[in-house]
Amino acid sequence: MQQALFYRGNDTSMKLPTFYGLFFADGTYKRNAYAFSLWSRIAEHPTMMDVTLKSTSANDTSGLSVIAGRDNAGRKALLLSNVSSASVKAVLEGLGGYLRLYVVSDASSSLQESTQSGMSINIPAYGVVLVTQEI
């Protein structure tokens, strides 16, 4: 059997009503491309860790998925995905120092980056957050 496959990361035209690629026709990132870029960053922390999430908001954590790992220097990272229609505040225990947050959400068309020292973070509705430990 012979096959011919064609894969494309960007949309072919800005005028199309449907945009399924990771990038717009002009090469700029879409939100899902930013989410994939966060996956590549969590892969830099290959030692997997167990995580228990605790919600500090009225919303539960049932819409959250999390992957956590540690790199060779001992720095920890968590990738959290919220598939629910409500934002969730969660407490991250066991992370010391400052935290760097990378957020992909419907609130912005770009990747949002911030730092904080508190252990409570907001995971937006239909959002993805990468939390890295800054030592």
N, C-alpha and C. Protein backbone atom coordinates (compact mmCIF):
# COMPACT_ATOMS: atom_id res chain seq x y z
N MET A 1 0.84 -1.17 0.00
CA MET A 1 0.00 0.00 0.00
C MET A 1 0.89 1.24 0.00
N GLN A 2 0.53 2.22 -0.76
CA GLN A 2 1.24 3.48 -0.80
C GLN A 2 0.37 4.57 -0.21
N GLN A 3 1.01 5.50 0.47
CA GLN A 3 0.28 6.62 1.07
C GLN A 3 1.01 7.91 0.76
N ALA A 4 0.24 8.95 0.65
CA ALA A 4 0.80 10.29 0.53
C ALA A 4 0.15 11.13 1.60
N LEU A 5 0.96 11.71 2.48
CA LEU A 5 0.44 12.50 3.58
C LEU A 5 0.98 13.92 3.49
N PHE A 6 0.16 14.86 3.89
CA PHE A 6 0.55 16.26 3.88
C PHE A 6 0.13 16.87 5.21
N TYR A 7 1.07 17.44 5.93
CA TYR A 7 0.78 18.08 7.21
C TYR A 7 1.11 19.55 7.11
N ARG A 8 0.31 20.34 7.74
CA ARG A 8 0.51 21.78 7.67
C ARG A 8 0.27 22.37 9.05
N GLY A 9 1.17 23.21 9.51
CA GLY A 9 1.02 23.84 10.81
C GLY A 9 0.24 25.13 10.75
N ASN A 10 0.27 25.79 9.61
CA ASN A 10 -0.42 27.08 9.53
C ASN A 10 -1.63 26.98 8.60
N ASP A 11 -2.53 27.92 8.73
CA ASP A 11 -3.70 28.01 7.86
C ASP A 11 -3.26 28.52 6.50
N THR A 12 -3.95 28.09 5.48
CA THR A 12 -3.57 28.48 4.12
C THR A 12 -4.01 29.88 3.75
N SER A 13 -5.04 30.38 4.42
CA SER A 13 -5.55 31.70 4.08
C SER A 13 -6.23 32.32 5.29
N MET A 14 -6.04 33.60 5.47
CA MET A 14 -6.72 34.31 6.56
C MET A 14 -8.21 34.47 6.26
N LYS A 15 -8.63 34.23 5.01
CA LYS A 15 -10.03 34.42 4.62
C LYS A 15 -10.88 33.19 4.85
N LEU A 16 -10.27 32.06 5.19
CA LEU A 16 -11.04 30.84 5.44
C LEU A 16 -11.89 31.00 6.70
N PRO A 17 -13.11 30.48 6.70
CA PRO A 17 -13.96 30.59 7.90
C PRO A 17 -13.51 29.66 9.02
N THR A 18 -12.75 28.63 8.69
CA THR A 18 -12.27 27.69 9.71
C THR A 18 -10.75 27.71 9.73
N PHE A 19 -10.21 27.76 10.91
CA PHE A 19 -8.77 27.80 11.08
C PHE A 19 -8.36 26.65 11.99
N TYR A 20 -7.82 25.57 11.40
CA TYR A 20 -7.50 24.38 12.17
C TYR A 20 -6.02 24.23 12.49
N GLY A 21 -5.17 25.00 11.90
CA GLY A 21 -3.75 24.86 12.13
C GLY A 21 -3.33 25.43 13.47
N LEU A 22 -2.05 25.24 13.80
CA LEU A 22 -1.49 25.79 15.03
C LEU A 22 -1.15 27.27 14.88
N PHE A 23 -0.96 27.71 13.63
CA PHE A 23 -0.52 29.07 13.36
C PHE A 23 -1.47 29.73 12.37
N PHE A 24 -1.56 31.05 12.46
CA PHE A 24 -2.32 31.79 11.47
C PHE A 24 -1.53 31.79 10.16
N ALA A 25 -2.19 32.19 9.08
CA ALA A 25 -1.55 32.18 7.76
C ALA A 25 -0.29 33.03 7.72
N ASP A 26 -0.22 34.06 8.56
CA ASP A 26 0.97 34.91 8.58
C ASP A 26 2.07 34.37 9.49
N GLY A 27 1.86 33.18 10.10
CA GLY A 27 2.88 32.54 10.93
C GLY A 27 2.78 32.85 12.42
N THR A 28 1.88 33.73 12.83
CA THR A 28 1.76 34.02 14.25
C THR A 28 1.08 32.86 14.98
N TYR A 29 1.45 32.71 16.24
CA TYR A 29 0.92 31.61 17.06
C TYR A 29 -0.56 31.80 17.35
N LYS A 30 -1.27 30.66 17.38
CA LYS A 30 -2.63 30.61 17.93
C LYS A 30 -2.52 30.13 19.37
N ARG A 31 -3.61 30.20 20.11
CA ARG A 31 -3.57 29.77 21.52
C ARG A 31 -3.15 28.31 21.65
N ASN A 32 -3.63 27.45 20.75
CA ASN A 32 -3.26 26.04 20.86
C ASN A 32 -1.77 25.81 20.58
N ALA A 33 -1.14 26.66 19.78
CA ALA A 33 0.31 26.56 19.57
C ALA A 33 1.05 26.94 20.84
N TYR A 34 0.56 27.96 21.55
CA TYR A 34 1.17 28.32 22.84
C TYR A 34 1.04 27.15 23.83
N ALA A 35 -0.12 26.50 23.84
CA ALA A 35 -0.31 25.36 24.74
C ALA A 35 0.69 24.24 24.41
N PHE A 36 0.90 23.96 23.13
CA PHE A 36 1.90 22.97 22.74
C PHE A 36 3.30 23.39 23.15
N SER A 37 3.59 24.69 23.09
CA SER A 37 4.92 25.15 23.50
C SER A 37 5.13 24.93 25.00
N LEU A 38 4.06 25.02 25.79
CA LEU A 38 4.18 24.75 27.23
C LEU A 38 4.46 23.27 27.47
N TRP A 39 3.88 22.41 26.64
CA TRP A 39 4.17 20.98 26.76
C TRP A 39 5.66 20.72 26.56
N SER A 40 6.28 21.41 25.62
CA SER A 40 7.71 21.19 25.40
C SER A 40 8.53 21.63 26.61
N ARG A 41 8.05 22.63 27.33
CA ARG A 41 8.78 23.10 28.52
C ARG A 41 8.64 22.12 29.68
N ILE A 42 7.47 21.49 29.83
CA ILE A 42 7.33 20.51 30.92
C ILE A 42 8.18 19.28 30.61
N ALA A 43 8.42 19.00 29.34
CA ALA A 43 9.25 17.86 28.95
C ALA A 43 10.70 18.04 29.39
N GLU A 44 11.10 19.27 29.71
CA GLU A 44 12.45 19.53 30.23
C GLU A 44 12.59 19.11 31.70
N HIS A 45 11.50 18.62 32.29
CA HIS A 45 11.46 18.16 33.68
C HIS A 45 11.05 16.68 33.67
N PRO A 46 11.97 15.78 33.29
CA PRO A 46 11.60 14.40 32.98
C PRO A 46 11.30 13.48 34.16
N THR A 47 11.69 13.86 35.37
CA THR A 47 11.40 13.00 36.53
C THR A 47 9.98 13.30 37.00
N MET A 48 9.06 12.37 36.74
CA MET A 48 7.65 12.58 37.05
C MET A 48 7.41 12.62 38.55
N MET A 49 6.42 13.42 38.96
CA MET A 49 6.07 13.59 40.37
C MET A 49 4.57 13.38 40.54
N ASP A 50 4.16 12.91 41.72
CA ASP A 50 2.75 12.82 42.07
C ASP A 50 2.28 14.17 42.58
N VAL A 51 1.03 14.53 42.25
CA VAL A 51 0.47 15.83 42.64
C VAL A 51 -0.93 15.63 43.17
N THR A 52 -1.26 16.34 44.25
CA THR A 52 -2.62 16.41 44.75
C THR A 52 -3.05 17.87 44.68
N LEU A 53 -4.17 18.13 44.02
CA LEU A 53 -4.66 19.50 43.88
C LEU A 53 -5.71 19.80 44.93
N LYS A 54 -5.62 21.00 45.50
CA LYS A 54 -6.61 21.47 46.45
C LYS A 54 -7.15 22.79 45.94
N SER A 55 -8.47 22.89 45.87
CA SER A 55 -9.10 24.11 45.38
C SER A 55 -9.37 25.05 46.54
N THR A 56 -9.10 26.35 46.32
CA THR A 56 -9.42 27.36 47.33
C THR A 56 -10.64 28.16 46.91
N SER A 57 -11.25 27.81 45.78
CA SER A 57 -12.42 28.53 45.30
C SER A 57 -13.65 27.65 45.47
N ALA A 58 -14.80 28.22 45.13
CA ALA A 58 -16.04 27.45 45.21
C ALA A 58 -16.06 26.34 44.17
N ASN A 59 -15.27 26.47 43.13
CA ASN A 59 -15.22 25.45 42.09
C ASN A 59 -14.31 24.30 42.52
N ASP A 60 -14.69 23.09 42.16
CA ASP A 60 -13.83 21.95 42.49
C ASP A 60 -12.75 21.79 41.43
N THR A 61 -11.90 20.81 41.62
CA THR A 61 -10.77 20.59 40.72
C THR A 61 -11.04 19.47 39.71
N SER A 62 -12.30 19.06 39.55
CA SER A 62 -12.59 17.93 38.67
C SER A 62 -12.30 18.24 37.20
N GLY A 63 -12.28 19.50 36.81
CA GLY A 63 -11.97 19.86 35.43
C GLY A 63 -10.49 20.04 35.17
N LEU A 64 -9.68 19.82 36.21
CA LEU A 64 -8.24 20.04 36.07
C LEU A 64 -7.49 18.74 35.78
N SER A 65 -6.50 18.87 34.93
CA SER A 65 -5.53 17.80 34.71
C SER A 65 -4.16 18.39 34.98
N VAL A 66 -3.25 17.57 35.52
CA VAL A 66 -1.94 18.10 35.86
C VAL A 66 -0.86 17.06 35.57
N ILE A 67 0.27 17.55 35.09
CA ILE A 67 1.49 16.76 34.93
C ILE A 67 2.57 17.52 35.70
N ALA A 68 3.35 16.81 36.49
CA ALA A 68 4.40 17.47 37.26
C ALA A 68 5.70 16.71 37.10
N GLY A 69 6.79 17.47 37.09
CA GLY A 69 8.10 16.84 36.97
C GLY A 69 9.19 17.67 37.59
N ARG A 70 10.37 17.07 37.66
CA ARG A 70 11.55 17.72 38.23
C ARG A 70 12.68 17.57 37.22
N ASP A 71 13.50 18.62 37.08
CA ASP A 71 14.63 18.53 36.16
C ASP A 71 15.86 18.01 36.91
N ASN A 72 16.98 17.90 36.22
CA ASN A 72 18.20 17.35 36.83
C ASN A 72 18.75 18.23 37.95
N ALA A 73 18.43 19.52 37.94
CA ALA A 73 18.88 20.43 39.00
C ALA A 73 17.92 20.45 40.19
N GLY A 74 16.81 19.71 40.10
CA GLY A 74 15.85 19.65 41.20
C GLY A 74 14.72 20.66 41.09
N ARG A 75 14.70 21.49 40.06
CA ARG A 75 13.61 22.45 39.89
C ARG A 75 12.35 21.72 39.45
N LYS A 76 11.22 22.14 40.01
CA LYS A 76 9.95 21.49 39.73
C LYS A 76 9.13 22.32 38.75
N ALA A 77 8.25 21.63 38.02
CA ALA A 77 7.34 22.31 37.10
C ALA A 77 6.02 21.54 37.06
N LEU A 78 4.93 22.28 36.87
CA LEU A 78 3.61 21.68 36.75
C LEU A 78 2.92 22.26 35.52
N LEU A 79 2.26 21.41 34.77
CA LEU A 79 1.45 21.83 33.64
C LEU A 79 0.01 21.50 33.98
N LEU A 80 -0.82 22.53 34.11
CA LEU A 80 -2.21 22.37 34.51
C LEU A 80 -3.13 22.76 33.36
N SER A 81 -4.15 21.96 33.15
CA SER A 81 -5.14 22.24 32.11
C SER A 81 -6.52 22.24 32.75
N ASN A 82 -7.29 23.28 32.48
CA ASN A 82 -8.64 23.41 33.01
C ASN A 82 -9.62 23.31 31.85
N VAL A 83 -10.36 22.22 31.78
CA VAL A 83 -11.33 22.03 30.70
C VAL A 83 -12.74 22.43 31.10
N SER A 84 -12.90 23.06 32.25
CA SER A 84 -14.22 23.48 32.70
C SER A 84 -14.49 24.93 32.29
N SER A 85 -15.74 25.34 32.42
CA SER A 85 -16.15 26.69 32.03
C SER A 85 -15.95 27.72 33.13
N ALA A 86 -15.38 27.30 34.26
CA ALA A 86 -15.14 28.22 35.37
C ALA A 86 -13.66 28.19 35.77
N SER A 87 -13.13 29.34 36.14
CA SER A 87 -11.75 29.37 36.62
C SER A 87 -11.67 28.70 37.99
N VAL A 88 -10.49 28.20 38.32
CA VAL A 88 -10.27 27.50 39.58
C VAL A 88 -9.02 28.06 40.24
N LYS A 89 -9.12 28.33 41.53
CA LYS A 89 -7.94 28.70 42.31
C LYS A 89 -7.45 27.43 43.00
N ALA A 90 -6.17 27.16 42.86
CA ALA A 90 -5.60 25.95 43.45
C ALA A 90 -4.38 26.31 44.27
N VAL A 91 -4.12 25.52 45.31
CA VAL A 91 -2.96 25.69 46.17
C VAL A 91 -1.90 24.70 45.72
N LEU A 92 -0.70 25.21 45.49
CA LEU A 92 0.42 24.36 45.08
C LEU A 92 1.35 24.22 46.27
N GLU A 93 1.34 23.08 46.90
CA GLU A 93 2.20 22.85 48.05
C GLU A 93 3.49 22.17 47.62
N GLY A 94 4.55 22.43 48.34
CA GLY A 94 5.81 21.77 48.07
C GLY A 94 6.71 22.48 47.08
N LEU A 95 6.33 23.67 46.68
CA LEU A 95 7.18 24.46 45.78
C LEU A 95 7.73 25.63 46.57
N GLY A 96 9.03 25.72 46.65
CA GLY A 96 9.65 26.84 47.34
C GLY A 96 10.13 27.88 46.36
N GLY A 97 10.49 29.05 46.87
CA GLY A 97 11.02 30.12 46.02
C GLY A 97 9.94 30.79 45.22
N TYR A 98 10.38 31.49 44.20
CA TYR A 98 9.44 32.18 43.33
C TYR A 98 8.94 31.25 42.25
N LEU A 99 7.72 31.49 41.82
CA LEU A 99 7.12 30.71 40.75
C LEU A 99 6.98 31.57 39.51
N ARG A 100 7.27 31.00 38.37
CA ARG A 100 7.03 31.67 37.09
C ARG A 100 5.83 30.98 36.46
N LEU A 101 4.84 31.79 36.05
CA LEU A 101 3.62 31.26 35.46
C LEU A 101 3.53 31.68 34.00
N TYR A 102 3.17 30.72 33.16
CA TYR A 102 2.90 30.95 31.75
C TYR A 102 1.45 30.54 31.53
N VAL A 103 0.62 31.45 31.04
CA VAL A 103 -0.82 31.20 30.96
C VAL A 103 -1.32 31.37 29.53
N VAL A 104 -2.07 30.37 29.07
CA VAL A 104 -2.78 30.44 27.79
C VAL A 104 -4.27 30.38 28.14
N SER A 105 -5.02 31.38 27.69
CA SER A 105 -6.47 31.40 27.97
C SER A 105 -7.19 32.20 26.91
N ASP A 106 -8.51 32.17 26.99
CA ASP A 106 -9.34 32.95 26.07
C ASP A 106 -9.24 34.45 26.35
N ALA A 107 -8.66 34.83 27.47
CA ALA A 107 -8.57 36.24 27.84
C ALA A 107 -7.52 36.99 27.02
N SER A 108 -6.62 36.27 26.35
CA SER A 108 -5.56 36.92 25.60
C SER A 108 -5.18 36.06 24.39
N SER A 109 -4.75 36.70 23.33
CA SER A 109 -4.31 35.96 22.15
C SER A 109 -2.83 35.64 22.22
N SER A 110 -2.16 36.04 23.31
CA SER A 110 -0.74 35.77 23.46
C SER A 110 -0.48 34.99 24.75
N LEU A 111 0.73 34.52 24.90
CA LEU A 111 1.14 33.80 26.10
C LEU A 111 1.43 34.84 27.18
N GLN A 112 0.78 34.71 28.34
CA GLN A 112 0.98 35.64 29.45
C GLN A 112 2.00 35.05 30.42
N GLU A 113 2.96 35.86 30.85
CA GLU A 113 4.01 35.40 31.76
C GLU A 113 4.05 36.30 32.98
N SER A 114 4.18 35.69 34.16
CA SER A 114 4.29 36.46 35.40
C SER A 114 5.07 35.66 36.42
N THR A 115 5.46 36.32 37.52
CA THR A 115 6.11 35.65 38.64
C THR A 115 5.31 35.94 39.90
N GLN A 116 5.43 35.05 40.86
CA GLN A 116 4.78 35.25 42.15
C GLN A 116 5.48 34.42 43.20
N SER A 117 5.24 34.76 44.47
CA SER A 117 5.82 34.00 45.55
C SER A 117 4.77 33.19 46.31
N GLY A 118 3.50 33.46 46.09
CA GLY A 118 2.43 32.73 46.77
C GLY A 118 2.18 31.38 46.15
N MET A 119 1.56 30.50 46.89
CA MET A 119 1.31 29.14 46.44
C MET A 119 -0.07 28.96 45.84
N SER A 120 -0.92 29.99 45.86
CA SER A 120 -2.26 29.90 45.31
C SER A 120 -2.26 30.52 43.91
N ILE A 121 -2.72 29.75 42.92
CA ILE A 121 -2.74 30.27 41.55
C ILE A 121 -4.14 30.12 40.97
N ASN A 122 -4.42 30.93 39.97
CA ASN A 122 -5.69 30.87 39.27
C ASN A 122 -5.47 30.16 37.93
N ILE A 123 -6.27 29.15 37.68
CA ILE A 123 -6.25 28.46 36.40
C ILE A 123 -7.52 28.88 35.67
N PRO A 124 -7.39 29.67 34.60
CA PRO A 124 -8.58 30.20 33.94
C PRO A 124 -9.42 29.11 33.26
N ALA A 125 -10.69 29.42 33.04
CA ALA A 125 -11.58 28.51 32.32
C ALA A 125 -10.99 28.21 30.95
N TYR A 126 -11.02 26.96 30.58
CA TYR A 126 -10.47 26.50 29.29
C TYR A 126 -9.05 27.00 29.09
N GLY A 127 -8.28 27.02 30.17
CA GLY A 127 -6.92 27.53 30.11
C GLY A 127 -5.87 26.48 30.41
N VAL A 128 -4.64 26.82 30.07
CA VAL A 128 -3.48 25.98 30.35
C VAL A 128 -2.45 26.85 31.05
N VAL A 129 -1.88 26.33 32.15
CA VAL A 129 -0.89 27.08 32.93
C VAL A 129 0.33 26.21 33.16
N LEU A 130 1.48 26.75 32.86
CA LEU A 130 2.74 26.09 33.24
C LEU A 130 3.31 26.87 34.41
N VAL A 131 3.62 26.15 35.48
CA VAL A 131 4.23 26.75 36.67
C VAL A 131 5.62 26.17 36.79
N THR A 132 6.64 27.04 36.80
CA THR A 132 8.02 26.58 36.99
C THR A 132 8.57 27.19 38.25
N GLN A 133 9.40 26.44 38.93
CA GLN A 133 10.03 26.89 40.17
C GLN A 133 11.30 27.64 39.83
N GLU A 134 11.40 28.85 40.32
CA GLU A 134 12.59 29.67 40.13
C GLU A 134 13.38 29.66 41.44
N ILE A 135 14.56 29.06 41.43
CA ILE A 135 15.35 28.96 42.67
C ILE A 135 16.32 30.10 42.75
